[in-house]
Amino acid sequence: MSEQILNSSALFIKPSFMKGVARGVDLFGQLDHYNYSQTDEEADSKAVNRDWIVVGCDLDNAIKQYEQENPEQAAAYRTANI
């Protein structure tokens, strides 16, 4: 999965070092760029999709952690549900 999809700041373009230096003298915010969507609904859809992807990743990590901490119970559960 792309890191940008999972990043909560996916609306912002990732700056380079030189853009970071230039922002120091950018008094009027001319260097601000965002990842725009065509409609509000599209932006909401992308945000909700990212949220559910992160929820799925969190659940996957929790299951893996549980299996590592409780190998006998995890094995018994897998055997009972085959």
N, C-alpha and C. Protein backbone atom coordinates (compact mmCIF):
# COMPACT_ATOMS: atom_id res chain seq x y z
N MET A 1 0.85 -1.18 0.00
CA MET A 1 0.00 0.00 0.00
C MET A 1 0.89 1.24 0.00
N SER A 2 0.53 2.17 -0.78
CA SER A 2 1.31 3.40 -0.88
C SER A 2 1.31 4.16 0.45
N GLU A 3 2.47 4.65 0.84
CA GLU A 3 2.59 5.41 2.09
C GLU A 3 1.75 6.68 2.03
N GLN A 4 1.63 7.28 0.85
CA GLN A 4 0.85 8.51 0.73
C GLN A 4 -0.63 8.24 0.98
N ILE A 5 -1.13 7.09 0.57
CA ILE A 5 -2.53 6.76 0.79
C ILE A 5 -2.83 6.68 2.29
N LEU A 6 -1.90 6.12 3.04
CA LEU A 6 -2.13 5.92 4.47
C LEU A 6 -1.77 7.14 5.30
N ASN A 7 -1.11 8.08 4.72
CA ASN A 7 -0.68 9.26 5.46
C ASN A 7 -1.85 10.22 5.65
N SER A 8 -2.03 10.69 6.88
CA SER A 8 -3.15 11.60 7.13
C SER A 8 -2.98 12.95 6.46
N SER A 9 -1.77 13.27 6.02
CA SER A 9 -1.54 14.53 5.35
C SER A 9 -1.48 14.34 3.83
N ALA A 10 -2.26 13.40 3.32
CA ALA A 10 -2.25 13.10 1.89
C ALA A 10 -2.76 14.25 1.04
N LEU A 11 -3.40 15.24 1.67
CA LEU A 11 -3.87 16.39 0.92
C LEU A 11 -2.74 17.33 0.54
N PHE A 12 -1.60 17.18 1.19
CA PHE A 12 -0.46 18.06 0.95
C PHE A 12 0.57 17.36 0.09
N ILE A 13 1.20 18.10 -0.78
CA ILE A 13 2.28 17.57 -1.60
C ILE A 13 3.54 17.53 -0.74
N LYS A 14 4.27 16.42 -0.81
CA LYS A 14 5.47 16.27 0.00
C LYS A 14 6.55 17.23 -0.50
N PRO A 15 7.02 18.12 0.37
CA PRO A 15 7.99 19.12 -0.07
C PRO A 15 9.41 18.56 -0.18
N SER A 16 10.19 19.19 -1.01
CA SER A 16 11.61 18.86 -1.11
C SER A 16 12.39 19.76 -0.15
N PHE A 17 13.66 19.49 0.00
CA PHE A 17 14.50 20.31 0.87
C PHE A 17 14.53 21.75 0.38
N MET A 18 14.71 21.94 -0.92
CA MET A 18 14.80 23.30 -1.47
C MET A 18 13.48 24.06 -1.30
N LYS A 19 12.36 23.37 -1.46
CA LYS A 19 11.07 24.04 -1.24
C LYS A 19 10.93 24.43 0.22
N GLY A 20 11.47 23.61 1.12
CA GLY A 20 11.44 23.94 2.53
C GLY A 20 12.26 25.19 2.83
N VAL A 21 13.41 25.30 2.19
CA VAL A 21 14.25 26.49 2.36
C VAL A 21 13.52 27.71 1.79
N ALA A 22 12.91 27.56 0.62
CA ALA A 22 12.22 28.68 -0.03
C ALA A 22 11.02 29.14 0.79
N ARG A 23 10.38 28.24 1.51
CA ARG A 23 9.21 28.62 2.32
C ARG A 23 9.59 29.61 3.41
N GLY A 24 10.86 29.61 3.80
CA GLY A 24 11.31 30.56 4.81
C GLY A 24 11.20 32.01 4.37
N VAL A 25 11.26 32.25 3.07
CA VAL A 25 11.15 33.62 2.57
C VAL A 25 9.86 33.84 1.79
N ASP A 26 8.97 32.87 1.80
CA ASP A 26 7.69 32.96 1.10
C ASP A 26 6.68 33.70 1.99
N LEU A 27 6.66 35.03 1.91
CA LEU A 27 5.84 35.83 2.80
C LEU A 27 4.35 35.76 2.49
N PHE A 28 3.99 35.47 1.25
CA PHE A 28 2.58 35.52 0.86
C PHE A 28 1.98 34.15 0.55
N GLY A 29 2.67 33.08 0.93
CA GLY A 29 2.13 31.73 0.75
C GLY A 29 1.99 31.30 -0.69
N GLN A 30 2.84 31.78 -1.56
CA GLN A 30 2.75 31.44 -2.98
C GLN A 30 3.23 30.01 -3.26
N LEU A 31 3.95 29.42 -2.35
CA LEU A 31 4.49 28.07 -2.59
C LEU A 31 3.60 26.97 -2.03
N ASP A 32 2.46 27.32 -1.45
CA ASP A 32 1.55 26.31 -0.91
C ASP A 32 0.83 25.60 -2.05
N HIS A 33 0.95 24.30 -2.09
CA HIS A 33 0.27 23.48 -3.10
C HIS A 33 -0.41 22.32 -2.38
N TYR A 34 -1.59 21.97 -2.84
CA TYR A 34 -2.37 20.90 -2.24
C TYR A 34 -2.80 19.92 -3.32
N ASN A 35 -3.10 18.69 -2.89
CA ASN A 35 -3.66 17.69 -3.79
C ASN A 35 -5.18 17.89 -3.80
N TYR A 36 -5.68 18.54 -4.83
CA TYR A 36 -7.10 18.88 -4.91
C TYR A 36 -7.90 17.73 -5.50
N SER A 37 -9.18 17.68 -5.15
CA SER A 37 -10.14 16.77 -5.75
C SER A 37 -11.10 17.60 -6.58
N GLN A 38 -11.74 16.95 -7.54
CA GLN A 38 -12.67 17.66 -8.42
C GLN A 38 -13.90 18.16 -7.66
N THR A 39 -14.39 17.35 -6.70
CA THR A 39 -15.59 17.72 -5.94
C THR A 39 -15.36 17.44 -4.46
N ASP A 40 -16.23 18.01 -3.64
CA ASP A 40 -16.18 17.72 -2.20
C ASP A 40 -16.45 16.24 -1.93
N GLU A 41 -17.38 15.67 -2.71
CA GLU A 41 -17.73 14.26 -2.53
C GLU A 41 -16.54 13.36 -2.84
N GLU A 42 -15.77 13.71 -3.87
CA GLU A 42 -14.58 12.93 -4.20
C GLU A 42 -13.55 13.02 -3.08
N ALA A 43 -13.34 14.19 -2.53
CA ALA A 43 -12.39 14.36 -1.43
C ALA A 43 -12.84 13.56 -0.21
N ASP A 44 -14.15 13.61 0.10
CA ASP A 44 -14.69 12.85 1.23
C ASP A 44 -14.53 11.35 0.99
N SER A 45 -14.81 10.92 -0.23
CA SER A 45 -14.69 9.50 -0.56
C SER A 45 -13.25 9.01 -0.40
N LYS A 46 -12.30 9.81 -0.87
CA LYS A 46 -10.89 9.44 -0.72
C LYS A 46 -10.49 9.38 0.76
N ALA A 47 -10.97 10.34 1.55
CA ALA A 47 -10.63 10.37 2.98
C ALA A 47 -11.23 9.17 3.71
N VAL A 48 -12.49 8.84 3.43
CA VAL A 48 -13.14 7.69 4.07
C VAL A 48 -12.43 6.40 3.65
N ASN A 49 -12.07 6.30 2.38
CA ASN A 49 -11.36 5.12 1.91
C ASN A 49 -10.03 4.96 2.65
N ARG A 50 -9.28 6.05 2.78
CA ARG A 50 -8.01 6.00 3.52
C ARG A 50 -8.25 5.59 4.97
N ASP A 51 -9.30 6.13 5.58
CA ASP A 51 -9.60 5.79 6.97
C ASP A 51 -9.84 4.29 7.13
N TRP A 52 -10.63 3.69 6.21
CA TRP A 52 -10.92 2.26 6.33
C TRP A 52 -9.70 1.40 6.03
N ILE A 53 -8.85 1.87 5.14
CA ILE A 53 -7.60 1.14 4.88
C ILE A 53 -6.75 1.12 6.15
N VAL A 54 -6.67 2.25 6.85
CA VAL A 54 -5.90 2.32 8.09
C VAL A 54 -6.52 1.43 9.16
N VAL A 55 -7.85 1.41 9.25
CA VAL A 55 -8.54 0.52 10.20
C VAL A 55 -8.17 -0.93 9.90
N GLY A 56 -8.20 -1.32 8.63
CA GLY A 56 -7.83 -2.69 8.25
C GLY A 56 -6.39 -3.01 8.62
N CYS A 57 -5.48 -2.07 8.39
CA CYS A 57 -4.07 -2.27 8.76
C CYS A 57 -3.92 -2.41 10.27
N ASP A 58 -4.65 -1.60 11.03
CA ASP A 58 -4.60 -1.68 12.49
C ASP A 58 -5.11 -3.04 12.98
N LEU A 59 -6.21 -3.50 12.40
CA LEU A 59 -6.74 -4.82 12.78
C LEU A 59 -5.75 -5.93 12.44
N ASP A 60 -5.15 -5.85 11.27
CA ASP A 60 -4.16 -6.85 10.86
C ASP A 60 -2.98 -6.87 11.83
N ASN A 61 -2.49 -5.69 12.20
CA ASN A 61 -1.38 -5.61 13.16
C ASN A 61 -1.78 -6.16 14.52
N ALA A 62 -3.00 -5.86 14.96
CA ALA A 62 -3.47 -6.36 16.26
C ALA A 62 -3.57 -7.88 16.26
N ILE A 63 -4.08 -8.46 15.17
CA ILE A 63 -4.19 -9.91 15.06
C ILE A 63 -2.80 -10.55 15.08
N LYS A 64 -1.88 -9.99 14.32
CA LYS A 64 -0.51 -10.53 14.30
C LYS A 64 0.14 -10.44 15.68
N GLN A 65 -0.06 -9.32 16.37
CA GLN A 65 0.51 -9.16 17.71
C GLN A 65 -0.09 -10.17 18.67
N TYR A 66 -1.41 -10.37 18.60
CA TYR A 66 -2.08 -11.35 19.45
C TYR A 66 -1.53 -12.75 19.19
N GLU A 67 -1.37 -13.10 17.92
CA GLU A 67 -0.86 -14.42 17.58
C GLU A 67 0.57 -14.63 18.09
N GLN A 68 1.38 -13.58 18.08
CA GLN A 68 2.74 -13.70 18.60
C GLN A 68 2.75 -13.84 20.12
N GLU A 69 1.85 -13.15 20.79
CA GLU A 69 1.80 -13.19 22.25
C GLU A 69 1.07 -14.42 22.79
N ASN A 70 0.20 -15.01 21.99
CA ASN A 70 -0.62 -16.16 22.42
C ASN A 70 -0.61 -17.25 21.35
N PRO A 71 0.54 -17.86 21.08
CA PRO A 71 0.63 -18.81 19.96
C PRO A 71 -0.27 -20.04 20.13
N GLU A 72 -0.44 -20.55 21.38
CA GLU A 72 -1.27 -21.74 21.57
C GLU A 72 -2.74 -21.44 21.28
N GLN A 73 -3.22 -20.32 21.79
CA GLN A 73 -4.62 -19.95 21.57
C GLN A 73 -4.88 -19.64 20.10
N ALA A 74 -3.94 -18.98 19.46
CA ALA A 74 -4.11 -18.65 18.05
C ALA A 74 -4.13 -19.91 17.21
N ALA A 75 -3.26 -20.87 17.52
CA ALA A 75 -3.23 -22.14 16.78
C ALA A 75 -4.51 -22.92 17.01
N ALA A 76 -5.01 -22.92 18.24
CA ALA A 76 -6.26 -23.63 18.55
C ALA A 76 -7.42 -22.99 17.81
N TYR A 77 -7.44 -21.68 17.71
CA TYR A 77 -8.51 -20.98 17.01
C TYR A 77 -8.47 -21.30 15.52
N ARG A 78 -7.27 -21.27 14.94
CA ARG A 78 -7.15 -21.58 13.50
C ARG A 78 -7.57 -23.01 13.22
N THR A 79 -7.19 -23.95 14.10
CA THR A 79 -7.54 -25.36 13.91
C THR A 79 -9.04 -25.57 14.02
N ALA A 80 -9.69 -24.87 14.97
CA ALA A 80 -11.13 -25.03 15.19
C ALA A 80 -11.95 -24.42 14.06
N ASN A 81 -11.40 -23.46 13.33
CA ASN A 81 -12.16 -22.76 12.30
C ASN A 81 -11.77 -23.14 10.89
N ILE A 82 -11.11 -24.26 10.73
CA ILE A 82 -10.76 -24.71 9.37
C ILE A 82 -11.86 -25.54 8.80
